[in-house]
Structures are given as C-alpha cells and as structure tokens.
PDB file of N, CA and C in Angstrom:
ATOM      1  N   UNK A   1     -91.823 158.444 -13.125  1.00  0.00           N
ATOM      2  CA  UNK A   1     -92.808 158.898 -14.093  1.00  0.00           C
ATOM      3  C   UNK A   1     -94.044 159.417 -13.356  1.00  0.00           C
ATOM      4  N   UNK A   2     -94.724 160.290 -13.955  1.00  0.00           N
ATOM      5  CA  UNK A   2     -95.897 160.949 -13.386  1.00  0.00           C
ATOM      6  C   UNK A   2     -97.083 159.987 -13.300  1.00  0.00           C
ATOM      7  N   UNK A   3     -98.053 160.346 -12.443  1.00  0.00           N
ATOM      8  CA  UNK A   3     -99.297 159.586 -12.345  1.00  0.00           C
ATOM      9  C   UNK A   3    -100.286 159.974 -13.438  1.00  0.00           C
ATOM     10  N   UNK A   4     -99.940 160.975 -14.229  1.00  0.00           N
ATOM     11  CA  UNK A   4    -100.818 161.398 -15.320  1.00  0.00           C
ATOM     12  C   UNK A   4    -100.974 160.275 -16.336  1.00  0.00           C
ATOM     13  N   UNK A   5    -102.125 160.247 -16.959  1.00  0.00           N
ATOM     14  CA  UNK A   5    -102.370 159.294 -18.035  1.00  0.00           C
ATOM     15  C   UNK A   5    -101.716 159.801 -19.319  1.00  0.00           C
ATOM     16  N   UNK A   6    -101.146 158.915 -20.099  1.00  0.00           N
ATOM     17  CA  UNK A   6    -100.564 159.360 -21.366  1.00  0.00           C
ATOM     18  C   UNK A   6    -101.640 159.870 -22.321  1.00  0.00           C
ATOM     19  N   UNK A   7    -101.214 160.733 -23.202  1.00  0.00           N
ATOM     20  CA  UNK A   7    -102.057 161.270 -24.275  1.00  0.00           C
ATOM     21  C   UNK A   7    -101.761 160.424 -25.503  1.00  0.00           C
ATOM     22  N   UNK A   8    -102.802 159.899 -26.127  1.00  0.00           N
ATOM     23  CA  UNK A   8    -102.619 159.049 -27.315  1.00  0.00           C
ATOM     24  C   UNK A   8    -102.605 159.921 -28.572  1.00  0.00           C
ATOM     25  N   UNK A   9    -101.663 159.628 -29.476  1.00  0.00           N
ATOM     26  CA  UNK A   9    -101.565 160.326 -30.754  1.00  0.00           C
ATOM     27  C   UNK A   9    -101.342 159.296 -31.858  1.00  0.00           C
ATOM     28  N   UNK A  10    -101.889 159.577 -33.024  1.00  0.00           N
ATOM     29  CA  UNK A  10    -101.690 158.686 -34.166  1.00  0.00           C
ATOM     30  C   UNK A  10    -101.513 159.526 -35.424  1.00  0.00           C
ATOM     31  N   UNK A  11    -100.682 159.016 -36.325  1.00  0.00           N
ATOM     32  CA  UNK A  11    -100.397 159.704 -37.585  1.00  0.00           C
ATOM     33  C   UNK A  11    -100.346 158.693 -38.713  1.00  0.00           C
ATOM     34  N   UNK A  12    -100.724 159.140 -39.863  1.00  0.00           N
ATOM     35  CA  UNK A  12    -100.561 158.358 -41.080  1.00  0.00           C
ATOM     36  C   UNK A  12     -99.432 158.990 -41.876  1.00  0.00           C
ATOM     37  N   UNK A  13     -98.440 158.176 -42.216  1.00  0.00           N
ATOM     38  CA  UNK A  13     -97.302 158.605 -43.013  1.00  0.00           C
ATOM     39  C   UNK A  13     -97.307 157.812 -44.312  1.00  0.00           C
ATOM     40  N   UNK A  14     -96.707 158.358 -45.339  1.00  0.00           N
ATOM     41  CA  UNK A  14     -96.659 157.662 -46.615  1.00  0.00           C
ATOM     42  C   UNK A  14     -95.211 157.438 -47.035  1.00  0.00           C
ATOM     43  N   UNK A  15     -94.891 156.178 -47.315  1.00  0.00           N
ATOM     44  CA  UNK A  15     -93.560 155.818 -47.785  1.00  0.00           C
ATOM     45  C   UNK A  15     -93.492 155.906 -49.306  1.00  0.00           C
ATOM     46  N   UNK A  16     -92.293 156.092 -49.802  1.00  0.00           N
ATOM     47  CA  UNK A  16     -92.077 155.932 -51.241  1.00  0.00           C
ATOM     48  C   UNK A  16     -92.212 154.445 -51.551  1.00  0.00           C
ATOM     49  N   UNK A  17     -92.557 154.112 -52.789  1.00  0.00           N
ATOM     50  CA  UNK A  17     -92.824 152.695 -53.118  1.00  0.00           C
ATOM     51  C   UNK A  17     -91.687 151.738 -52.758  1.00  0.00           C
ATOM     52  N   UNK A  18     -90.436 152.182 -52.835  1.00  0.00           N
ATOM     53  CA  UNK A  18     -89.314 151.287 -52.556  1.00  0.00           C
ATOM     54  C   UNK A  18     -88.699 151.516 -51.171  1.00  0.00           C
ATOM     55  N   UNK A  19     -89.405 152.223 -50.281  1.00  0.00           N
ATOM     56  CA  UNK A  19     -88.809 152.615 -49.013  1.00  0.00           C
ATOM     57  C   UNK A  19     -89.027 151.708 -47.828  1.00  0.00           C
ATOM     58  N   UNK A  20     -89.913 150.735 -47.913  1.00  0.00           N
ATOM     59  CA  UNK A  20     -90.306 149.967 -46.730  1.00  0.00           C
ATOM     60  C   UNK A  20     -89.147 149.205 -46.091  1.00  0.00           C
ATOM     61  N   UNK A  21     -88.376 148.469 -46.868  1.00  0.00           N
ATOM     62  CA  UNK A  21     -87.305 147.662 -46.274  1.00  0.00           C
ATOM     63  C   UNK A  21     -86.310 148.525 -45.501  1.00  0.00           C
ATOM     64  N   UNK A  22     -85.909 149.645 -46.077  1.00  0.00           N
ATOM     65  CA  UNK A  22     -84.971 150.538 -45.397  1.00  0.00           C
ATOM     66  C   UNK A  22     -85.629 151.216 -44.192  1.00  0.00           C
ATOM     67  N   UNK A  23     -86.896 151.555 -44.310  1.00  0.00           N
ATOM     68  CA  UNK A  23     -87.628 152.164 -43.194  1.00  0.00           C
ATOM     69  C   UNK A  23     -87.620 151.212 -42.001  1.00  0.00           C
ATOM     70  N   UNK A  24     -87.904 149.949 -42.233  1.00  0.00           N
ATOM     71  CA  UNK A  24     -87.876 148.947 -41.165  1.00  0.00           C
ATOM     72  C   UNK A  24     -86.457 148.783 -40.631  1.00  0.00           C
ATOM     73  N   UNK A  25     -85.485 148.685 -41.532  1.00  0.00           N
ATOM     74  CA  UNK A  25     -84.088 148.522 -41.114  1.00  0.00           C
ATOM     75  C   UNK A  25     -83.667 149.640 -40.164  1.00  0.00           C
ATOM     76  N   UNK A  26     -83.931 150.880 -40.552  1.00  0.00           N
ATOM     77  CA  UNK A  26     -83.473 152.004 -39.743  1.00  0.00           C
ATOM     78  C   UNK A  26     -84.230 152.128 -38.427  1.00  0.00           C
ATOM     79  N   UNK A  27     -85.465 151.675 -38.351  1.00  0.00           N
ATOM     80  CA  UNK A  27     -86.147 151.687 -37.064  1.00  0.00           C
ATOM     81  C   UNK A  27     -85.681 150.524 -36.190  1.00  0.00           C
ATOM     82  N   UNK A  28     -85.265 149.426 -36.808  1.00  0.00           N
ATOM     83  CA  UNK A  28     -84.650 148.336 -36.037  1.00  0.00           C
ATOM     84  C   UNK A  28     -83.256 148.734 -35.544  1.00  0.00           C
ATOM     85  N   UNK A  29     -82.648 149.715 -36.188  1.00  0.00           N
ATOM     86  CA  UNK A  29     -81.291 150.159 -35.861  1.00  0.00           C
ATOM     87  C   UNK A  29     -81.269 151.656 -35.555  1.00  0.00           C
ATOM     88  N   UNK A  30     -82.292 152.128 -34.882  1.00  0.00           N
ATOM     89  CA  UNK A  30     -82.422 153.554 -34.581  1.00  0.00           C
ATOM     90  C   UNK A  30     -81.232 154.040 -33.756  1.00  0.00           C
ATOM     91  N   UNK A  31     -80.837 155.260 -34.001  1.00  0.00           N
ATOM     92  CA  UNK A  31     -79.719 155.837 -33.267  1.00  0.00           C
ATOM     93  C   UNK A  31     -80.039 155.876 -31.768  1.00  0.00           C
ATOM     94  N   UNK A  32     -79.137 155.413 -30.915  1.00  0.00           N
ATOM     95  CA  UNK A  32     -79.385 155.445 -29.463  1.00  0.00           C
ATOM     96  C   UNK A  32     -79.659 156.859 -28.944  1.00  0.00           C
ATOM     97  N   UNK A  33     -79.003 157.851 -29.503  1.00  0.00           N
ATOM     98  CA  UNK A  33     -79.244 159.217 -29.040  1.00  0.00           C
ATOM     99  C   UNK A  33     -80.639 159.704 -29.410  1.00  0.00           C
ATOM    100  N   UNK A  34     -81.227 159.144 -30.479  1.00  0.00           N
ATOM    101  CA  UNK A  34     -82.600 159.495 -30.829  1.00  0.00           C
ATOM    102  C   UNK A  34     -83.582 158.835 -29.844  1.00  0.00           C
ATOM    103  N   UNK A  35     -83.280 157.633 -29.426  1.00  0.00           N
ATOM    104  CA  UNK A  35     -84.090 156.979 -28.386  1.00  0.00           C
ATOM    105  C   UNK A  35     -84.058 157.827 -27.110  1.00  0.00           C
ATOM    106  N   UNK A  36     -82.869 158.310 -26.748  1.00  0.00           N
ATOM    107  CA  UNK A  36     -82.748 159.166 -25.562  1.00  0.00           C
ATOM    108  C   UNK A  36     -83.585 160.430 -25.717  1.00  0.00           C
ATOM    109  N   UNK A  37     -83.586 161.019 -26.912  1.00  0.00           N
ATOM    110  CA  UNK A  37     -84.361 162.229 -27.163  1.00  0.00           C
ATOM    111  C   UNK A  37     -85.853 161.953 -27.029  1.00  0.00           C
ATOM    112  N   UNK A  38     -86.319 160.818 -27.549  1.00  0.00           N
ATOM    113  CA  UNK A  38     -87.722 160.438 -27.409  1.00  0.00           C
ATOM    114  C   UNK A  38     -88.096 160.348 -25.934  1.00  0.00           C
ATOM    115  N   UNK A  39     -87.260 159.689 -25.154  1.00  0.00           N
ATOM    116  CA  UNK A  39     -87.539 159.526 -23.725  1.00  0.00           C
ATOM    117  C   UNK A  39     -87.563 160.863 -23.005  1.00  0.00           C
ATOM    118  N   UNK A  40     -86.558 161.680 -23.236  1.00  0.00           N
ATOM    119  CA  UNK A  40     -86.467 162.958 -22.507  1.00  0.00           C
ATOM    120  C   UNK A  40     -87.555 163.938 -22.912  1.00  0.00           C
ATOM    121  N   UNK A  41     -88.133 163.754 -24.083  1.00  0.00           N
ATOM    122  CA  UNK A  41     -89.188 164.653 -24.557  1.00  0.00           C
ATOM    123  C   UNK A  41     -90.563 164.275 -24.033  1.00  0.00           C
ATOM    124  N   UNK A  42     -90.674 163.126 -23.379  1.00  0.00           N
ATOM    125  CA  UNK A  42     -91.956 162.726 -22.809  1.00  0.00           C
ATOM    126  C   UNK A  42     -92.765 161.808 -23.710  1.00  0.00           C
ATOM    127  N   UNK A  43     -92.092 161.113 -24.605  1.00  0.00           N
ATOM    128  CA  UNK A  43     -92.787 160.142 -25.451  1.00  0.00           C
ATOM    129  C   UNK A  43     -92.673 158.781 -24.768  1.00  0.00           C
ATOM    130  N   UNK A  44     -93.808 158.270 -24.310  1.00  0.00           N
ATOM    131  CA  UNK A  44     -93.830 157.025 -23.543  1.00  0.00           C
ATOM    132  C   UNK A  44     -93.738 155.803 -24.448  1.00  0.00           C
ATOM    133  N   UNK A  45     -94.458 155.818 -25.576  1.00  0.00           N
ATOM    134  CA  UNK A  45     -94.431 154.687 -26.504  1.00  0.00           C
ATOM    135  C   UNK A  45     -94.541 155.192 -27.941  1.00  0.00           C
ATOM    136  N   UNK A  46     -93.972 154.420 -28.835  1.00  0.00           N
ATOM    137  CA  UNK A  46     -94.175 154.621 -30.268  1.00  0.00           C
ATOM    138  C   UNK A  46     -94.343 153.229 -30.863  1.00  0.00           C
ATOM    139  N   UNK A  47     -95.390 153.048 -31.642  1.00  0.00           N
ATOM    140  CA  UNK A  47     -95.618 151.791 -32.339  1.00  0.00           C
ATOM    141  C   UNK A  47     -95.895 152.117 -33.797  1.00  0.00           C
ATOM    142  N   UNK A  48     -95.268 151.374 -34.691  1.00  0.00           N
ATOM    143  CA  UNK A  48     -95.468 151.563 -36.127  1.00  0.00           C
ATOM    144  C   UNK A  48     -96.170 150.337 -36.702  1.00  0.00           C
ATOM    145  N   UNK A  49     -97.156 150.583 -37.542  1.00  0.00           N
ATOM    146  CA  UNK A  49     -97.853 149.542 -38.292  1.00  0.00           C
ATOM    147  C   UNK A  49     -97.731 149.916 -39.763  1.00  0.00           C
ATOM    148  N   UNK A  50     -97.808 148.940 -40.647  1.00  0.00           N
ATOM    149  CA  UNK A  50     -97.654 149.265 -42.064  1.00  0.00           C
ATOM    150  C   UNK A  50     -98.664 148.508 -42.919  1.00  0.00           C
ATOM    151  N   UNK A  51     -99.173 149.207 -43.903  1.00  0.00           N
ATOM    152  CA  UNK A  51     -99.929 148.662 -45.015  1.00  0.00           C
ATOM    153  C   UNK A  51     -99.395 149.437 -46.220  1.00  0.00           C
ATOM    154  N   UNK A  52     -98.291 148.950 -46.810  1.00  0.00           N
ATOM    155  CA  UNK A  52     -97.562 149.747 -47.800  1.00  0.00           C
ATOM    156  C   UNK A  52     -98.475 150.386 -48.840  1.00  0.00           C
ATOM    157  N   UNK A  53     -98.251 151.646 -49.136  1.00  0.00           N
ATOM    158  CA  UNK A  53     -97.151 152.496 -48.679  1.00  0.00           C
ATOM    159  C   UNK A  53     -97.468 153.280 -47.413  1.00  0.00           C
ATOM    160  N   UNK A  54     -98.541 152.943 -46.718  1.00  0.00           N
ATOM    161  CA  UNK A  54     -98.959 153.711 -45.546  1.00  0.00           C
ATOM    162  C   UNK A  54     -98.336 153.139 -44.276  1.00  0.00           C
ATOM    163  N   UNK A  55     -97.766 154.031 -43.473  1.00  0.00           N
ATOM    164  CA  UNK A  55     -97.293 153.689 -42.130  1.00  0.00           C
ATOM    165  C   UNK A  55     -98.244 154.376 -41.157  1.00  0.00           C
ATOM    166  N   UNK A  56     -98.708 153.615 -40.194  1.00  0.00           N
ATOM    167  CA  UNK A  56     -99.549 154.148 -39.133  1.00  0.00           C
ATOM    168  C   UNK A  56     -98.674 154.224 -37.886  1.00  0.00           C
ATOM    169  N   UNK A  57     -98.512 155.435 -37.350  1.00  0.00           N
ATOM    170  CA  UNK A  57     -97.701 155.650 -36.162  1.00  0.00           C
ATOM    171  C   UNK A  57     -98.643 155.931 -34.995  1.00  0.00           C
ATOM    172  N   UNK A  58     -98.519 155.130 -33.945  1.00  0.00           N
ATOM    173  CA  UNK A  58     -99.296 155.334 -32.727  1.00  0.00           C
ATOM    174  C   UNK A  58     -98.309 155.658 -31.613  1.00  0.00           C
ATOM    175  N   UNK A  59     -98.607 156.673 -30.828  1.00  0.00           N
ATOM    176  CA  UNK A  59     -97.729 157.005 -29.714  1.00  0.00           C
ATOM    177  C   UNK A  59     -98.542 157.419 -28.501  1.00  0.00           C
ATOM    178  N   UNK A  60     -97.913 157.277 -27.367  1.00  0.00           N
ATOM    179  CA  UNK A  60     -98.445 157.800 -26.118  1.00  0.00           C
ATOM    180  C   UNK A  60     -97.413 158.778 -25.603  1.00  0.00           C
ATOM    181  N   UNK A  61     -97.880 159.991 -25.337  1.00  0.00           N
ATOM    182  CA  UNK A  61     -96.985 161.060 -24.902  1.00  0.00           C
ATOM    183  C   UNK A  61     -97.434 161.563 -23.541  1.00  0.00           C
ATOM    184  N   UNK A  62     -96.502 162.145 -22.806  1.00  0.00           N
ATOM    185  CA  UNK A  62     -96.816 162.636 -21.472  1.00  0.00           C
ATOM    186  C   UNK A  62     -97.053 164.140 -21.475  1.00  0.00           C
ATOM    187  N   UNK A  63     -96.842 164.788 -22.600  1.00  0.00           N
ATOM    188  CA  UNK A  63     -96.953 166.237 -22.684  1.00  0.00           C
ATOM    189  C   UNK A  63     -97.415 166.587 -24.096  1.00  0.00           C
ATOM    190  N   UNK A  64     -98.297 167.552 -24.208  1.00  0.00           N
ATOM    191  CA  UNK A  64     -98.834 167.945 -25.524  1.00  0.00           C
ATOM    192  C   UNK A  64     -97.752 168.337 -26.530  1.00  0.00           C
ATOM    193  N   UNK A  65     -96.627 168.834 -26.050  1.00  0.00           N
ATOM    194  CA  UNK A  65     -95.589 169.302 -26.975  1.00  0.00           C
ATOM    195  C   UNK A  65     -94.463 168.287 -27.182  1.00  0.00           C
ATOM    196  N   UNK A  66     -94.636 167.066 -26.691  1.00  0.00           N
ATOM    197  CA  UNK A  66     -93.575 166.058 -26.774  1.00  0.00           C
ATOM    198  C   UNK A  66     -93.089 165.843 -28.204  1.00  0.00           C
ATOM    199  N   UNK A  67     -94.017 165.640 -29.143  1.00  0.00           N
ATOM    200  CA  UNK A  67     -93.598 165.394 -30.523  1.00  0.00           C
ATOM    201  C   UNK A  67     -92.903 166.616 -31.120  1.00  0.00           C
ATOM    202  N   UNK A  68     -93.397 167.816 -30.821  1.00  0.00           N
ATOM    203  CA  UNK A  68     -92.737 169.022 -31.331  1.00  0.00           C
ATOM    204  C   UNK A  68     -91.301 169.106 -30.837  1.00  0.00           C
ATOM    205  N   UNK A  69     -91.068 168.727 -29.575  1.00  0.00           N
ATOM    206  CA  UNK A  69     -89.718 168.767 -29.027  1.00  0.00           C
ATOM    207  C   UNK A  69     -88.787 167.838 -29.789  1.00  0.00           C
ATOM    208  N   UNK A  70     -89.300 166.697 -30.208  1.00  0.00           N
ATOM    209  CA  UNK A  70     -88.472 165.758 -30.977  1.00  0.00           C
ATOM    210  C   UNK A  70     -88.318 166.241 -32.415  1.00  0.00           C
ATOM    211  N   UNK A  71     -89.435 166.510 -33.094  1.00  0.00           N
ATOM    212  CA  UNK A  71     -89.396 166.841 -34.519  1.00  0.00           C
ATOM    213  C   UNK A  71     -88.601 168.112 -34.802  1.00  0.00           C
ATOM    214  N   UNK A  72     -88.604 169.055 -33.860  1.00  0.00           N
ATOM    215  CA  UNK A  72     -87.890 170.309 -34.067  1.00  0.00           C
ATOM    216  C   UNK A  72     -86.446 170.277 -33.579  1.00  0.00           C
ATOM    217  N   UNK A  73     -86.011 169.167 -33.015  1.00  0.00           N
ATOM    218  CA  UNK A  73     -84.642 169.071 -32.507  1.00  0.00           C
ATOM    219  C   UNK A  73     -83.653 168.907 -33.661  1.00  0.00           C
ATOM    220  N   UNK A  74     -82.435 169.384 -33.448  1.00  0.00           N
ATOM    221  CA  UNK A  74     -81.377 169.222 -34.446  1.00  0.00           C
ATOM    222  C   UNK A  74     -81.109 167.747 -34.715  1.00  0.00           C
ATOM    223  N   UNK A  75     -81.179 166.932 -33.678  1.00  0.00           N
ATOM    224  CA  UNK A  75     -80.946 165.499 -33.823  1.00  0.00           C
ATOM    225  C   UNK A  75     -81.963 164.868 -34.774  1.00  0.00           C
ATOM    226  N   UNK A  76     -83.246 165.153 -34.576  1.00  0.00           N
ATOM    227  CA  UNK A  76     -84.259 164.568 -35.450  1.00  0.00           C
ATOM    228  C   UNK A  76     -84.146 165.121 -36.875  1.00  0.00           C
ATOM    229  N   UNK A  77     -83.818 166.384 -37.003  1.00  0.00           N
ATOM    230  CA  UNK A  77     -83.634 166.956 -38.344  1.00  0.00           C
ATOM    231  C   UNK A  77     -82.498 166.251 -39.075  1.00  0.00           C
ATOM    232  N   UNK A  78     -81.437 165.899 -38.347  1.00  0.00           N
ATOM    233  CA  UNK A  78     -80.320 165.165 -38.963  1.00  0.00           C
ATOM    234  C   UNK A  78     -80.765 163.749 -39.341  1.00  0.00           C
ATOM    235  N   UNK A  79     -81.508 163.074 -38.459  1.00  0.00           N
ATOM    236  CA  UNK A  79     -82.056 161.733 -38.741  1.00  0.00           C
ATOM    237  C   UNK A  79     -82.925 161.778 -40.000  1.00  0.00           C
ATOM    238  N   UNK A  80     -83.771 162.785 -40.065  1.00  0.00           N
ATOM    239  CA  UNK A  80     -84.655 162.935 -41.224  1.00  0.00           C
ATOM    240  C   UNK A  80     -83.845 163.146 -42.493  1.00  0.00           C
ATOM    241  N   UNK A  81     -82.910 164.070 -42.467  1.00  0.00           N
ATOM    242  CA  UNK A  81     -82.138 164.404 -43.670  1.00  0.00           C
ATOM    243  C   UNK A  81     -81.260 163.245 -44.132  1.00  0.00           C
ATOM    244  N   UNK A  82     -80.599 162.583 -43.188  1.00  0.00           N
ATOM    245  CA  UNK A  82     -79.647 161.529 -43.548  1.00  0.00           C
ATOM    246  C   UNK A  82     -80.302 160.179 -43.811  1.00  0.00           C
ATOM    247  N   UNK A  83     -81.400 159.892 -43.127  1.00  0.00           N
ATOM    248  CA  UNK A  83     -81.962 158.540 -43.170  1.00  0.00           C
ATOM    249  C   UNK A  83     -83.367 158.485 -43.765  1.00  0.00           C
ATOM    250  N   UNK A  84     -84.287 159.274 -43.244  1.00  0.00           N
ATOM    251  CA  UNK A  84     -85.697 159.130 -43.589  1.00  0.00           C
ATOM    252  C   UNK A  84     -86.122 159.827 -44.883  1.00  0.00           C
ATOM    253  N   UNK A  85     -85.554 160.972 -45.204  1.00  0.00           N
ATOM    254  CA  UNK A  85     -86.015 161.735 -46.371  1.00  0.00           C
ATOM    255  C   UNK A  85     -86.096 160.906 -47.654  1.00  0.00           C
ATOM    256  N   UNK A  86     -85.092 160.086 -47.953  1.00  0.00           N
ATOM    257  CA  UNK A  86     -85.195 159.304 -49.196  1.00  0.00           C
ATOM    258  C   UNK A  86     -86.290 158.236 -49.183  1.00  0.00           C
ATOM    259  N   UNK A  87     -86.816 157.931 -48.011  1.00  0.00           N
ATOM    260  CA  UNK A  87     -87.785 156.842 -47.872  1.00  0.00           C
ATOM    261  C   UNK A  87     -89.229 157.313 -47.796  1.00  0.00           C
ATOM    262  N   UNK A  88     -89.416 158.601 -47.488  1.00  0.00           N
ATOM    263  CA  UNK A  88     -90.742 159.128 -47.196  1.00  0.00           C
ATOM    264  C   UNK A  88     -91.287 159.963 -48.354  1.00  0.00           C
ATOM    265  N   UNK A  89     -92.598 160.055 -48.401  1.00  0.00           N
ATOM    266  CA  UNK A  89     -93.263 160.880 -49.404  1.00  0.00           C
ATOM    267  C   UNK A  89     -93.484 162.281 -48.842  1.00  0.00           C
ATOM    268  N   UNK A  90     -93.183 163.284 -49.649  1.00  0.00           N
ATOM    269  CA  UNK A  90     -93.379 164.683 -49.271  1.00  0.00           C
ATOM    270  C   UNK A  90     -94.345 165.324 -50.249  1.00  0.00           C
ATOM    271  N   UNK A  91     -95.044 166.374 -49.786  1.00  0.00           N
ATOM    272  CA  UNK A  91     -95.933 167.082 -50.690  1.00  0.00           C
ATOM    273  C   UNK A  91     -95.130 168.065 -51.548  1.00  0.00           C
ATOM    274  N   UNK A  92     -95.812 168.811 -52.385  1.00  0.00           N
ATOM    275  CA  UNK A  92     -95.134 169.718 -53.326  1.00  0.00           C
ATOM    276  C   UNK A  92     -94.366 170.839 -52.621  1.00  0.00           C
ATOM    277  N   UNK A  93     -94.647 171.079 -51.347  1.00  0.00           N
ATOM    278  CA  UNK A  93     -93.935 172.103 -50.570  1.00  0.00           C
ATOM    279  C   UNK A  93     -92.808 171.514 -49.726  1.00  0.00           C
ATOM    280  N   UNK A  94     -92.469 170.240 -49.970  1.00  0.00           N
ATOM    281  CA  UNK A  94     -91.443 169.517 -49.222  1.00  0.00           C
ATOM    282  C   UNK A  94     -91.810 169.337 -47.758  1.00  0.00           C
ATOM    283  N   UNK A  95     -93.103 169.218 -47.493  1.00  0.00           N
ATOM    284  CA  UNK A  95     -93.587 168.926 -46.147  1.00  0.00           C
ATOM    285  C   UNK A  95     -93.917 167.438 -46.101  1.00  0.00           C
ATOM    286  N   UNK A  96     -93.467 166.770 -45.044  1.00  0.00           N
ATOM    287  CA  UNK A  96     -93.731 165.343 -44.899  1.00  0.00           C
ATOM    288  C   UNK A  96     -95.225 165.071 -44.991  1.00  0.00           C
ATOM    289  N   UNK A  97     -95.582 164.105 -45.811  1.00  0.00           N
ATOM    290  CA  UNK A  97     -96.983 163.726 -45.956  1.00  0.00           C
ATOM    291  C   UNK A  97     -97.403 162.981 -44.687  1.00  0.00           C
ATOM    292  N   UNK A  98     -97.790 163.738 -43.685  1.00  0.00           N
ATOM    293  CA  UNK A  98     -98.165 163.214 -42.377  1.00  0.00           C
ATOM    294  C   UNK A  98     -99.538 163.759 -42.016  1.00  0.00           C
ATOM    295  N   UNK A  99    -100.444 162.864 -41.706  1.00  0.00           N
ATOM    296  CA  UNK A  99    -101.807 163.269 -41.379  1.00  0.00           C
ATOM    297  C   UNK A  99    -102.098 162.859 -39.942  1.00  0.00           C
ATOM    298  N   UNK A 100    -102.378 163.832 -39.056  1.00  0.00           N
ATOM    299  CA  UNK A 100    -102.792 163.443 -37.708  1.00  0.00           C
ATOM    300  C   UNK A 100    -104.162 162.779 -37.764  1.00  0.00           C
ATOM    301  N   UNK A 101    -104.316 161.722 -37.015  1.00  0.00           N
ATOM    302  CA  UNK A 101    -105.574 160.979 -37.000  1.00  0.00           C
ATOM    303  C   UNK A 101    -106.276 161.206 -35.672  1.00  0.00           C
ATOM    304  N   UNK A 102    -107.461 161.790 -35.686  1.00  0.00           N
ATOM    305  CA  UNK A 102    -108.165 162.042 -34.429  1.00  0.00           C
ATOM    306  C   UNK A 102    -108.687 160.743 -33.814  1.00  0.00           C
ATOM    307  N   UNK A 103    -108.602 160.676 -32.515  1.00  0.00           N
ATOM    308  CA  UNK A 103    -109.126 159.511 -31.807  1.00  0.00           C
ATOM    309  C   UNK A 103    -110.644 159.624 -31.732  1.00  0.00           C
ATOM    310  N   UNK A 104    -111.326 158.541 -32.056  1.00  0.00           N
ATOM    311  CA  UNK A 104    -112.789 158.560 -31.970  1.00  0.00           C
ATOM    312  C   UNK A 104    -113.335 157.571 -30.951  1.00  0.00           C
ATOM    313  N   UNK A 105    -112.515 156.614 -30.521  1.00  0.00           N
ATOM    314  CA  UNK A 105    -112.971 155.652 -29.527  1.00  0.00           C
ATOM    315  C   UNK A 105    -111.776 154.976 -28.907  1.00  0.00           C
ATOM    316  N   UNK A 106    -111.868 154.657 -27.633  1.00  0.00           N
ATOM    317  CA  UNK A 106    -110.789 153.984 -26.927  1.00  0.00           C
ATOM    318  C   UNK A 106    -111.401 153.080 -25.865  1.00  0.00           C
ATOM    319  N   UNK A 107    -110.830 151.905 -25.688  1.00  0.00           N
ATOM    320  CA  UNK A 107    -111.276 150.978 -24.662  1.00  0.00           C
ATOM    321  C   UNK A 107    -110.053 150.490 -23.897  1.00  0.00           C
ATOM    322  N   UNK A 108    -110.164 150.448 -22.594  1.00  0.00           N
ATOM    323  CA  UNK A 108    -109.129 149.872 -21.737  1.00  0.00           C
ATOM    324  C   UNK A 108    -109.808 149.005 -20.709  1.00  0.00           C
ATOM    325  N   UNK A 109    -109.303 147.827 -20.524  1.00  0.00           N
ATOM    326  CA  UNK A 109    -109.799 146.954 -19.477  1.00  0.00           C
ATOM    327  C   UNK A 109    -108.868 147.093 -18.287  1.00  0.00           C
ATOM    328  N   UNK A 110    -109.426 147.482 -17.176  1.00  0.00           N
ATOM    329  CA  UNK A 110    -108.584 147.676 -15.976  1.00  0.00           C
ATOM    330  C   UNK A 110    -109.013 146.766 -14.877  1.00  0.00           C
TER     331      UNK A 110
END
C-alpha cells in the first residue's frame, strides 16, 4: 500500500422503513467478489452507522475516483439491482437518495 494518507468520505443514505434488517443481513453476507472490487478500487475502509431510516457511510479511499470505480462497475450495479434497490430510498428520478457530507473537522492522535 502507498504511503499516501487516505481521503475520508462520508455519505448519508436513506433506507425504506422496512429495509434495515435486510440491509444489515446483506452487508454481513456481502458478496466476496464485491469485497474484492472494493479493495482493487482503492477503498481502504467502509464503516456503516445507522439511525433508522438514515445510514451514515464513512469510508477512507486511496484515490479520488475509488467510489466511482465501484459504483459504476457492472458488479455493483448487479448488487444494487438484486439486493439493495428494494431496501433503499430513491428520489423521483430513481436516483439513490445519497448526500455527500463535507468534512468540517478531523482529529488524529499520533
């Protein structure tokens, strides 16, 4: 791995009211090939937090385009269509209700 510092990213996602249990189940049982795709795309960490119906996704990436490489892949599109779409909230244009959250402060003890 590179000596570069990871880039922190965070997103707010919205679940459908009855989607939380399945959302947790499928992330506990994520497809191994999707894990491989996350790694090869330069995503160092992904952490999910929940306050239903809101999911807070925090990630550290090694490249500015890491998430685009995953989200635009055929594999992720299949994961979304087969697994996540019924669980997530979309806007009127069928775009995932995902809001990037800008970082305003960070502390690290070294």
